[in-house]
PDB file of N, CA and C in Angstrom:
ATOM      1  N   MET A   1     179.114  70.194  32.195  1.00  0.00           N
ATOM      2  CA  MET A   1     177.728  70.171  31.797  1.00  0.00           C
ATOM      3  C   MET A   1     176.924  69.404  32.842  1.00  0.00           C
ATOM      4  N   LYS A   2     175.867  70.030  33.338  1.00  0.00           N
ATOM      5  CA  LYS A   2     175.016  69.398  34.333  1.00  0.00           C
ATOM      6  C   LYS A   2     173.965  68.544  33.646  1.00  0.00           C
ATOM      7  N   THR A   3     173.707  67.381  34.241  1.00  0.00           N
ATOM      8  CA  THR A   3     172.610  66.565  33.724  1.00  0.00           C
ATOM      9  C   THR A   3     171.405  66.796  34.620  1.00  0.00           C
ATOM     10  N   LYS A   4     170.235  66.833  34.020  1.00  0.00           N
ATOM     11  CA  LYS A   4     169.020  67.070  34.788  1.00  0.00           C
ATOM     12  C   LYS A   4     168.555  65.762  35.409  1.00  0.00           C
ATOM     13  N   LEU A   5     168.385  65.771  36.726  1.00  0.00           N
ATOM     14  CA  LEU A   5     167.935  64.578  37.435  1.00  0.00           C
ATOM     15  C   LEU A   5     166.425  64.432  37.279  1.00  0.00           C
ATOM     16  N   SER A   6     165.965  63.195  37.241  1.00  0.00           N
ATOM     17  CA  SER A   6     164.532  62.946  37.173  1.00  0.00           C
ATOM     18  C   SER A   6     163.886  63.350  38.496  1.00  0.00           C
ATOM     19  N   LEU A   7     162.585  63.479  38.467  1.00  0.00           N
ATOM     20  CA  LEU A   7     161.834  63.863  39.650  1.00  0.00           C
ATOM     21  C   LEU A   7     162.079  62.883  40.797  1.00  0.00           C
ATOM     22  N   SER A   8     162.034  61.603  40.502  1.00  0.00           N
ATOM     23  CA  SER A   8     162.224  60.601  41.566  1.00  0.00           C
ATOM     24  C   SER A   8     163.659  60.607  42.086  1.00  0.00           C
ATOM     25  N   ALA A   9     164.635  60.872  41.217  1.00  0.00           N
ATOM     26  CA  ALA A   9     166.037  60.933  41.666  1.00  0.00           C
ATOM     27  C   ALA A   9     166.250  62.146  42.561  1.00  0.00           C
ATOM     28  N   ARG A  10     165.622  63.271  42.203  1.00  0.00           N
ATOM     29  CA  ARG A  10     165.742  64.470  43.045  1.00  0.00           C
ATOM     30  C   ARG A  10     165.076  64.236  44.397  1.00  0.00           C
ATOM     31  N   ARG A  11     163.945  63.523  44.394  1.00  0.00           N
ATOM     32  CA  ARG A  11     163.256  63.218  45.651  1.00  0.00           C
ATOM     33  C   ARG A  11     164.128  62.306  46.536  1.00  0.00           C
ATOM     34  N   ARG A  12     164.715  61.270  45.935  1.00  0.00           N
ATOM     35  CA  ARG A  12     165.588  60.361  46.703  1.00  0.00           C
ATOM     36  C   ARG A  12     166.773  61.110  47.289  1.00  0.00           C
ATOM     37  N   LYS A  13     167.355  62.005  46.501  1.00  0.00           N
ATOM     38  CA  LYS A  13     168.514  62.777  46.968  1.00  0.00           C
ATOM     39  C   LYS A  13     168.137  63.655  48.161  1.00  0.00           C
ATOM     40  N   ALA A  14     167.007  64.356  48.072  1.00  0.00           N
ATOM     41  CA  ALA A  14     166.571  65.224  49.164  1.00  0.00           C
ATOM     42  C   ALA A  14     166.251  64.410  50.422  1.00  0.00           C
ATOM     43  N   LYS A  15     165.604  63.260  50.251  1.00  0.00           N
ATOM     44  CA  LYS A  15     165.283  62.411  51.409  1.00  0.00           C
ATOM     45  C   LYS A  15     166.545  61.878  52.061  1.00  0.00           C
ATOM     46  N   ALA A  16     167.541  61.508  51.263  1.00  0.00           N
ATOM     47  CA  ALA A  16     168.799  61.012  51.812  1.00  0.00           C
ATOM     48  C   ALA A  16     169.504  62.113  52.599  1.00  0.00           C
ATOM     49  N   GLN A  17     169.476  63.328  52.073  1.00  0.00           N
ATOM     50  CA  GLN A  17     170.089  64.445  52.790  1.00  0.00           C
ATOM     51  C   GLN A  17     169.359  64.711  54.101  1.00  0.00           C
ATOM     52  N   LEU A  18     168.049  64.600  54.085  1.00  0.00           N
ATOM     53  CA  LEU A  18     167.261  64.804  55.293  1.00  0.00           C
ATOM     54  C   LEU A  18     167.591  63.739  56.337  1.00  0.00           C
ATOM     55  N   ASP A  19     167.698  62.485  55.899  1.00  0.00           N
ATOM     56  CA  ASP A  19     168.025  61.393  56.817  1.00  0.00           C
ATOM     57  C   ASP A  19     169.411  61.566  57.444  1.00  0.00           C
ATOM     58  N   ALA A  20     170.339  62.159  56.689  1.00  0.00           N
ATOM     59  CA  ALA A  20     171.728  62.274  57.145  1.00  0.00           C
ATOM     60  C   ALA A  20     171.952  63.430  58.123  1.00  0.00           C
ATOM     61  N   LEU A  21     170.959  64.273  58.334  1.00  0.00           N
ATOM     62  CA  LEU A  21     171.176  65.463  59.159  1.00  0.00           C
ATOM     63  C   LEU A  21     171.455  65.156  60.628  1.00  0.00           C
ATOM     64  N   GLY A  22     170.825  64.168  61.177  1.00  0.00           N
ATOM     65  CA  GLY A  22     171.033  63.884  62.597  1.00  0.00           C
ATOM     66  C   GLY A  22     170.030  64.636  63.458  1.00  0.00           C
ATOM     67  N   ASN A  23     170.466  65.057  64.642  1.00  0.00           N
ATOM     68  CA  ASN A  23     169.564  65.737  65.578  1.00  0.00           C
ATOM     69  C   ASN A  23     169.130  67.092  65.040  1.00  0.00           C
ATOM     70  N   LEU A  24     167.874  67.416  65.308  1.00  0.00           N
ATOM     71  CA  LEU A  24     167.288  68.680  64.880  1.00  0.00           C
ATOM     72  C   LEU A  24     166.748  69.401  66.103  1.00  0.00           C
ATOM     73  N   LEU A  25     166.891  70.723  66.108  1.00  0.00           N
ATOM     74  CA  LEU A  25     166.374  71.502  67.221  1.00  0.00           C
ATOM     75  C   LEU A  25     165.962  72.869  66.714  1.00  0.00           C
ATOM     76  N   GLU A  26     164.684  73.204  66.908  1.00  0.00           N
ATOM     77  CA  GLU A  26     164.175  74.496  66.461  1.00  0.00           C
ATOM     78  C   GLU A  26     164.491  75.547  67.511  1.00  0.00           C
ATOM     79  N   GLY A  27     164.919  76.705  67.063  1.00  0.00           N
ATOM     80  CA  GLY A  27     165.158  77.816  67.971  1.00  0.00           C
ATOM     81  C   GLY A  27     166.444  78.542  67.629  1.00  0.00           C
ATOM     82  N   SER A  28     166.724  79.573  68.417  1.00  0.00           N
ATOM     83  CA  SER A  28     167.931  80.371  68.239  1.00  0.00           C
ATOM     84  C   SER A  28     168.794  80.227  69.475  1.00  0.00           C
ATOM     85  N   LEU A  29     170.052  79.916  69.261  1.00  0.00           N
ATOM     86  CA  LEU A  29     170.992  79.816  70.369  1.00  0.00           C
ATOM     87  C   LEU A  29     171.600  81.188  70.603  1.00  0.00           C
ATOM     88  N   CYS A  30     171.481  81.676  71.815  1.00  0.00           N
ATOM     89  CA  CYS A  30     171.988  83.011  72.157  1.00  0.00           C
ATOM     90  C   CYS A  30     173.030  82.907  73.258  1.00  0.00           C
ATOM     91  N   ARG A  31     174.036  83.769  73.155  1.00  0.00           N
ATOM     92  CA  ARG A  31     175.056  83.884  74.203  1.00  0.00           C
ATOM     93  C   ARG A  31     174.677  85.095  75.041  1.00  0.00           C
ATOM     94  N   VAL A  32     174.568  84.903  76.347  1.00  0.00           N
ATOM     95  CA  VAL A  32     174.151  85.963  77.248  1.00  0.00           C
ATOM     96  C   VAL A  32     175.239  86.153  78.294  1.00  0.00           C
ATOM     97  N   GLU A  33     175.666  87.390  78.466  1.00  0.00           N
ATOM     98  CA  GLU A  33     176.686  87.685  79.478  1.00  0.00           C
ATOM     99  C   GLU A  33     176.012  88.309  80.685  1.00  0.00           C
ATOM    100  N   ARG A  34     176.274  87.725  81.825  1.00  0.00           N
ATOM    101  CA  ARG A  34     175.743  88.240  83.091  1.00  0.00           C
ATOM    102  C   ARG A  34     176.926  88.511  84.004  1.00  0.00           C
ATOM    103  N   GLY A  35     177.325  89.747  84.056  1.00  0.00           N
ATOM    104  CA  GLY A  35     178.515  90.079  84.834  1.00  0.00           C
ATOM    105  C   GLY A  35     179.719  89.441  84.172  1.00  0.00           C
ATOM    106  N   ASN A  36     180.428  88.618  84.915  1.00  0.00           N
ATOM    107  CA  ASN A  36     181.593  87.915  84.374  1.00  0.00           C
ATOM    108  C   ASN A  36     181.237  86.539  83.825  1.00  0.00           C
ATOM    109  N   ALA A  37     179.991  86.140  84.003  1.00  0.00           N
ATOM    110  CA  ALA A  37     179.576  84.797  83.573  1.00  0.00           C
ATOM    111  C   ALA A  37     178.942  84.847  82.181  1.00  0.00           C
ATOM    112  N   VAL A  38     179.219  83.799  81.412  1.00  0.00           N
ATOM    113  CA  VAL A  38     178.621  83.654  80.080  1.00  0.00           C
ATOM    114  C   VAL A  38     177.667  82.473  80.133  1.00  0.00           C
ATOM    115  N   ARG A  39     176.445  82.705  79.639  1.00  0.00           N
ATOM    116  CA  ARG A  39     175.439  81.648  79.584  1.00  0.00           C
ATOM    117  C   ARG A  39     174.984  81.491  78.148  1.00  0.00           C
ATOM    118  N   PHE A  40     174.446  80.330  77.860  1.00  0.00           N
ATOM    119  CA  PHE A  40     173.843  80.092  76.555  1.00  0.00           C
ATOM    120  C   PHE A  40     172.399  79.694  76.793  1.00  0.00           C
ATOM    121  N   GLN A  41     171.532  80.174  75.924  1.00  0.00           N
ATOM    122  CA  GLN A  41     170.125  79.794  76.033  1.00  0.00           C
ATOM    123  C   GLN A  41     169.539  79.640  74.648  1.00  0.00           C
ATOM    124  N   LEU A  42     168.592  78.737  74.568  1.00  0.00           N
ATOM    125  CA  LEU A  42     167.876  78.475  73.333  1.00  0.00           C
ATOM    126  C   LEU A  42     166.503  79.119  73.462  1.00  0.00           C
ATOM    127  N   THR A  43     166.128  79.907  72.456  1.00  0.00           N
ATOM    128  CA  THR A  43     164.851  80.609  72.489  1.00  0.00           C
ATOM    129  C   THR A  43     164.026  80.184  71.281  1.00  0.00           C
ATOM    130  N   ASP A  44     162.740  79.920  71.513  1.00  0.00           N
ATOM    131  CA  ASP A  44     161.825  79.627  70.425  1.00  0.00           C
ATOM    132  C   ASP A  44     160.420  80.045  70.838  1.00  0.00           C
ATOM    133  N   LYS A  45     159.457  79.779  69.985  1.00  0.00           N
ATOM    134  CA  LYS A  45     158.066  80.117  70.282  1.00  0.00           C
ATOM    135  C   LYS A  45     157.239  78.845  70.272  1.00  0.00           C
ATOM    136  N   ALA A  46     156.341  78.734  71.240  1.00  0.00           N
ATOM    137  CA  ALA A  46     155.404  77.612  71.310  1.00  0.00           C
ATOM    138  C   ALA A  46     154.053  78.180  71.714  1.00  0.00           C
ATOM    139  N   ALA A  47     153.035  77.868  70.958  1.00  0.00           N
ATOM    140  CA  ALA A  47     151.678  78.342  71.231  1.00  0.00           C
ATOM    141  C   ALA A  47     151.645  79.866  71.352  1.00  0.00           C
ATOM    142  N   GLY A  48     152.434  80.548  70.508  1.00  0.00           N
ATOM    143  CA  GLY A  48     152.431  82.002  70.493  1.00  0.00           C
ATOM    144  C   GLY A  48     153.202  82.665  71.612  1.00  0.00           C
ATOM    145  N   ARG A  49     153.872  81.883  72.427  1.00  0.00           N
ATOM    146  CA  ARG A  49     154.626  82.441  73.556  1.00  0.00           C
ATOM    147  C   ARG A  49     156.095  82.083  73.428  1.00  0.00           C
ATOM    148  N   SER A  50     156.954  83.013  73.783  1.00  0.00           N
ATOM    149  CA  SER A  50     158.394  82.750  73.780  1.00  0.00           C
ATOM    150  C   SER A  50     158.738  81.839  74.949  1.00  0.00           C
ATOM    151  N   ARG A  51     159.690  80.967  74.694  1.00  0.00           N
ATOM    152  CA  ARG A  51     160.194  80.137  75.792  1.00  0.00           C
ATOM    153  C   ARG A  51     161.707  80.054  75.657  1.00  0.00           C
ATOM    154  N   THR A  52     162.356  79.892  76.784  1.00  0.00           N
ATOM    155  CA  THR A  52     163.808  79.890  76.842  1.00  0.00           C
ATOM    156  C   THR A  52     164.271  78.645  77.578  1.00  0.00           C
ATOM    157  N   LEU A  53     165.324  78.047  77.068  1.00  0.00           N
ATOM    158  CA  LEU A  53     165.896  76.848  77.663  1.00  0.00           C
ATOM    159  C   LEU A  53     167.377  77.090  77.910  1.00  0.00           C
ATOM    160  N   TYR A  54     167.829  76.864  79.128  1.00  0.00           N
ATOM    161  CA  TYR A  54     169.246  76.990  79.461  1.00  0.00           C
ATOM    162  C   TYR A  54     170.029  75.896  78.748  1.00  0.00           C
ATOM    163  N   VAL A  55     171.166  76.256  78.161  1.00  0.00           N
ATOM    164  CA  VAL A  55     172.032  75.296  77.478  1.00  0.00           C
ATOM    165  C   VAL A  55     173.406  75.345  78.160  1.00  0.00           C
ATOM    166  N   PRO A  56     173.882  74.229  78.701  1.00  0.00           N
ATOM    167  CA  PRO A  56     175.216  74.228  79.308  1.00  0.00           C
ATOM    168  C   PRO A  56     176.279  74.638  78.278  1.00  0.00           C
ATOM    169  N   ALA A  57     177.278  75.380  78.729  1.00  0.00           N
ATOM    170  CA  ALA A  57     178.308  75.902  77.830  1.00  0.00           C
ATOM    171  C   ALA A  57     178.992  74.790  77.043  1.00  0.00           C
ATOM    172  N   GLU A  58     179.188  73.630  77.660  1.00  0.00           N
ATOM    173  CA  GLU A  58     179.875  72.534  76.965  1.00  0.00           C
ATOM    174  C   GLU A  58     179.018  71.916  75.856  1.00  0.00           C
ATOM    175  N   MET A  59     177.715  72.210  75.842  1.00  0.00           N
ATOM    176  CA  MET A  59     176.833  71.702  74.790  1.00  0.00           C
ATOM    177  C   MET A  59     176.529  72.749  73.716  1.00  0.00           C
ATOM    178  N   ALA A  60     176.998  73.974  73.886  1.00  0.00           N
ATOM    179  CA  ALA A  60     176.632  75.073  72.988  1.00  0.00           C
ATOM    180  C   ALA A  60     176.984  74.771  71.532  1.00  0.00           C
ATOM    181  N   GLY A  61     178.160  74.237  71.263  1.00  0.00           N
ATOM    182  CA  GLY A  61     178.555  73.922  69.888  1.00  0.00           C
ATOM    183  C   GLY A  61     177.657  72.870  69.264  1.00  0.00           C
ATOM    184  N   GLU A  62     177.348  71.859  70.047  1.00  0.00           N
ATOM    185  CA  GLU A  62     176.485  70.776  69.571  1.00  0.00           C
ATOM    186  C   GLU A  62     175.059  71.291  69.304  1.00  0.00           C
ATOM    187  N   VAL A  63     174.550  72.097  70.218  1.00  0.00           N
ATOM    188  CA  VAL A  63     173.200  72.654  70.060  1.00  0.00           C
ATOM    189  C   VAL A  63     173.162  73.593  68.860  1.00  0.00           C
ATOM    190  N   ARG A  64     174.221  74.352  68.643  1.00  0.00           N
ATOM    191  CA  ARG A  64     174.291  75.235  67.474  1.00  0.00           C
ATOM    192  C   ARG A  64     174.178  74.410  66.190  1.00  0.00           C
ATOM    193  N   GLN A  65     174.855  73.273  66.139  1.00  0.00           N
ATOM    194  CA  GLN A  65     174.771  72.397  64.968  1.00  0.00           C
ATOM    195  C   GLN A  65     173.353  71.869  64.782  1.00  0.00           C
ATOM    196  N   TRP A  66     172.694  71.510  65.878  1.00  0.00           N
ATOM    197  CA  TRP A  66     171.325  71.008  65.799  1.00  0.00           C
ATOM    198  C   TRP A  66     170.382  72.067  65.236  1.00  0.00           C
ATOM    199  N   THR A  67     170.573  73.341  65.636  1.00  0.00           N
ATOM    200  CA  THR A  67     169.707  74.401  65.115  1.00  0.00           C
ATOM    201  C   THR A  67     169.995  74.640  63.630  1.00  0.00           C
ATOM    202  N   GLN A  68     171.249  74.501  63.215  1.00  0.00           N
ATOM    203  CA  GLN A  68     171.577  74.608  61.791  1.00  0.00           C
ATOM    204  C   GLN A  68     170.965  73.444  61.019  1.00  0.00           C
ATOM    205  N   ASN A  69     170.972  72.246  61.610  1.00  0.00           N
ATOM    206  CA  ASN A  69     170.338  71.085  60.980  1.00  0.00           C
ATOM    207  C   ASN A  69     168.843  71.332  60.791  1.00  0.00           C
ATOM    208  N   TRP A  70     168.212  72.002  61.769  1.00  0.00           N
ATOM    209  CA  TRP A  70     166.787  72.314  61.671  1.00  0.00           C
ATOM    210  C   TRP A  70     166.525  73.196  60.458  1.00  0.00           C
ATOM    211  N   LYS A  71     167.348  74.207  60.279  1.00  0.00           N
ATOM    212  CA  LYS A  71     167.178  75.118  59.136  1.00  0.00           C
ATOM    213  C   LYS A  71     167.365  74.376  57.818  1.00  0.00           C
ATOM    214  N   GLN A  72     168.353  73.490  57.768  1.00  0.00           N
ATOM    215  CA  GLN A  72     168.590  72.692  56.567  1.00  0.00           C
ATOM    216  C   GLN A  72     167.406  71.757  56.301  1.00  0.00           C
ATOM    217  N   ALA A  73     166.856  71.163  57.368  1.00  0.00           N
ATOM    218  CA  ALA A  73     165.713  70.261  57.219  1.00  0.00           C
ATOM    219  C   ALA A  73     164.499  71.016  56.672  1.00  0.00           C
ATOM    220  N   LYS A  74     164.274  72.241  57.146  1.00  0.00           N
ATOM    221  CA  LYS A  74     163.163  73.037  56.627  1.00  0.00           C
ATOM    222  C   LYS A  74     163.342  73.308  55.139  1.00  0.00           C
ATOM    223  N   ARG A  75     164.574  73.605  54.717  1.00  0.00           N
ATOM    224  CA  ARG A  75     164.840  73.850  53.303  1.00  0.00           C
ATOM    225  C   ARG A  75     164.563  72.590  52.486  1.00  0.00           C
ATOM    226  N   LEU A  76     165.006  71.438  52.988  1.00  0.00           N
ATOM    227  CA  LEU A  76     164.797  70.175  52.284  1.00  0.00           C
ATOM    228  C   LEU A  76     163.309  69.810  52.225  1.00  0.00           C
ATOM    229  N   LEU A  77     162.565  70.071  53.293  1.00  0.00           N
ATOM    230  CA  LEU A  77     161.130  69.794  53.288  1.00  0.00           C
ATOM    231  C   LEU A  77     160.404  70.680  52.274  1.00  0.00           C
ATOM    232  N   ARG A  78     160.824  71.930  52.163  1.00  0.00           N
ATOM    233  CA  ARG A  78     160.234  72.797  51.137  1.00  0.00           C
ATOM    234  C   ARG A  78     160.528  72.253  49.746  1.00  0.00           C
ATOM    235  N   GLU A  79     161.767  71.763  49.559  1.00  0.00           N
ATOM    236  CA  GLU A  79     162.147  71.180  48.267  1.00  0.00           C
ATOM    237  C   GLU A  79     161.305  69.949  47.956  1.00  0.00           C
ATOM    238  N   LEU A  80     161.113  69.071  48.946  1.00  0.00           N
ATOM    239  CA  LEU A  80     160.286  67.878  48.743  1.00  0.00           C
ATOM    240  C   LEU A  80     158.841  68.263  48.437  1.00  0.00           C
ATOM    241  N   SER A  81     158.342  69.293  49.083  1.00  0.00           N
ATOM    242  CA  SER A  81     156.991  69.764  48.813  1.00  0.00           C
ATOM    243  C   SER A  81     156.882  70.250  47.371  1.00  0.00           C
ATOM    244  N   GLU A  82     157.880  70.974  46.906  1.00  0.00           N
ATOM    245  CA  GLU A  82     157.853  71.470  45.531  1.00  0.00           C
ATOM    246  C   GLU A  82     157.923  70.314  44.527  1.00  0.00           C
ATOM    247  N   LEU A  83     158.707  69.281  44.849  1.00  0.00           N
ATOM    248  CA  LEU A  83     158.768  68.104  43.980  1.00  0.00           C
ATOM    249  C   LEU A  83     157.407  67.416  43.910  1.00  0.00           C
ATOM    250  N   SER A  84     156.703  67.361  45.027  1.00  0.00           N
ATOM    251  CA  SER A  84     155.356  66.775  45.032  1.00  0.00           C
ATOM    252  C   SER A  84     154.404  67.612  44.185  1.00  0.00           C
ATOM    253  N   ARG A  85     154.548  68.929  44.271  1.00  0.00           N
ATOM    254  CA  ARG A  85     153.721  69.811  43.432  1.00  0.00           C
ATOM    255  C   ARG A  85     153.983  69.544  41.951  1.00  0.00           C
ATOM    256  N   GLU A  86     155.262  69.382  41.594  1.00  0.00           N
ATOM    257  CA  GLU A  86     155.612  69.084  40.201  1.00  0.00           C
ATOM    258  C   GLU A  86     154.971  67.771  39.757  1.00  0.00           C
ATOM    259  N   GLU A  87     154.963  66.796  40.660  1.00  0.00           N
ATOM    260  CA  GLU A  87     154.368  65.503  40.331  1.00  0.00           C
ATOM    261  C   GLU A  87     152.863  65.635  40.094  1.00  0.00           C
ATOM    262  N   VAL A  88     152.189  66.438  40.912  1.00  0.00           N
ATOM    263  CA  VAL A  88     150.757  66.657  40.731  1.00  0.00           C
ATOM    264  C   VAL A  88     150.500  67.368  39.404  1.00  0.00           C
ATOM    265  N   ARG A  89     151.325  68.386  39.110  1.00  0.00           N
ATOM    266  CA  ARG A  89     151.164  69.095  37.835  1.00  0.00           C
ATOM    267  C   ARG A  89     151.358  68.154  36.657  1.00  0.00           C
ATOM    268  N   ALA A  90     152.371  67.288  36.726  1.00  0.00           N
ATOM    269  CA  ALA A  90     152.629  66.339  35.641  1.00  0.00           C
ATOM    270  C   ALA A  90     151.461  65.371  35.491  1.00  0.00           C
ATOM    271  N   GLY A  91     150.882  64.938  36.601  1.00  0.00           N
ATOM    272  CA  GLY A  91     149.729  64.040  36.550  1.00  0.00           C
ATOM    273  C   GLY A  91     148.523  64.716  35.946  1.00  0.00           C
ATOM    274  N   ALA A  92     148.365  65.997  36.240  1.00  0.00           N
ATOM    275  CA  ALA A  92     147.234  66.739  35.682  1.00  0.00           C
ATOM    276  C   ALA A  92     147.407  66.934  34.174  1.00  0.00           C
ATOM    277  N   ARG A  93     148.638  67.104  33.726  1.00  0.00           N
ATOM    278  CA  ARG A  93     148.887  67.301  32.294  1.00  0.00           C
ATOM    279  C   ARG A  93     148.553  66.059  31.489  1.00  0.00           C
ATOM    280  N   ASP A  94     148.846  64.882  32.046  1.00  0.00           N
ATOM    281  CA  ASP A  94     148.589  63.658  31.273  1.00  0.00           C
ATOM    282  C   ASP A  94     147.270  62.989  31.672  1.00  0.00           C
ATOM    283  N   GLY A  95     146.378  63.740  32.286  1.00  0.00           N
ATOM    284  CA  GLY A  95     145.041  63.227  32.591  1.00  0.00           C
ATOM    285  C   GLY A  95     145.018  62.212  33.715  1.00  0.00           C
ATOM    286  N   GLY A  96     146.016  62.202  34.587  1.00  0.00           N
ATOM    287  CA  GLY A  96     146.052  61.280  35.711  1.00  0.00           C
ATOM    288  C   GLY A  96     146.417  59.858  35.339  1.00  0.00           C
ATOM    289  N   ARG A  97     147.032  59.681  34.173  1.00  0.00           N
ATOM    290  CA  ARG A  97     147.379  58.328  33.721  1.00  0.00           C
ATOM    291  C   ARG A  97     148.725  57.851  34.243  1.00  0.00           C
ATOM    292  N   ARG A  98     149.415  58.687  34.979  1.00  0.00           N
ATOM    293  CA  ARG A  98     150.729  58.289  35.508  1.00  0.00           C
ATOM    294  C   ARG A  98     150.570  57.264  36.614  1.00  0.00           C
ATOM    295  N   LYS A  99     151.515  56.361  36.693  1.00  0.00           N
ATOM    296  CA  LYS A  99     151.525  55.408  37.790  1.00  0.00           C
ATOM    297  C   LYS A  99     152.048  56.131  39.034  1.00  0.00           C
ATOM    298  N   PRO A 100     151.474  55.889  40.193  1.00  0.00           N
ATOM    299  CA  PRO A 100     151.989  56.514  41.406  1.00  0.00           C
ATOM    300  C   PRO A 100     153.397  55.965  41.681  1.00  0.00           C
ATOM    301  N   PRO A 101     154.263  56.772  42.310  1.00  0.00           N
ATOM    302  CA  PRO A 101     155.612  56.298  42.616  1.00  0.00           C
ATOM    303  C   PRO A 101     155.554  55.134  43.593  1.00  0.00           C
ATOM    304  N   THR A 102     156.498  54.228  43.456  1.00  0.00           N
ATOM    305  CA  THR A 102     156.560  53.094  44.378  1.00  0.00           C
ATOM    306  C   THR A 102     157.197  53.560  45.674  1.00  0.00           C
ATOM    307  N   PRO A 103     156.618  53.191  46.821  1.00  0.00           N
ATOM    308  CA  PRO A 103     157.203  53.591  48.110  1.00  0.00           C
ATOM    309  C   PRO A 103     158.558  52.925  48.319  1.00  0.00           C
ATOM    310  N   ARG A 104     159.449  53.669  48.966  1.00  0.00           N
ATOM    311  CA  ARG A 104     160.792  53.134  49.272  1.00  0.00           C
ATOM    312  C   ARG A 104     161.025  53.103  50.734  1.00  0.00           C
TER     313      ARG A 104
END
């Protein structure tokens, strides 16, 4: 049986997960073969333009983890945003009489 976590407990859990992610890197890691050579490059968009960054082969695994961390961080940020929305809705229901959460 699952117990329902309070809003503040869910927020603390999401923030802790976000803090634990480590390095973050936006973009897609691609493997490119040029003849007999294999290269890795990171591709993303900035100011509406694609940009590419060479990634040394020995860093490819680490960079792949960083891009996965970025995706996880985006999911957690969406979750935190939804928790904030729930808090605003709850405040609106009780006429704004709720105490604001204490900063941690």
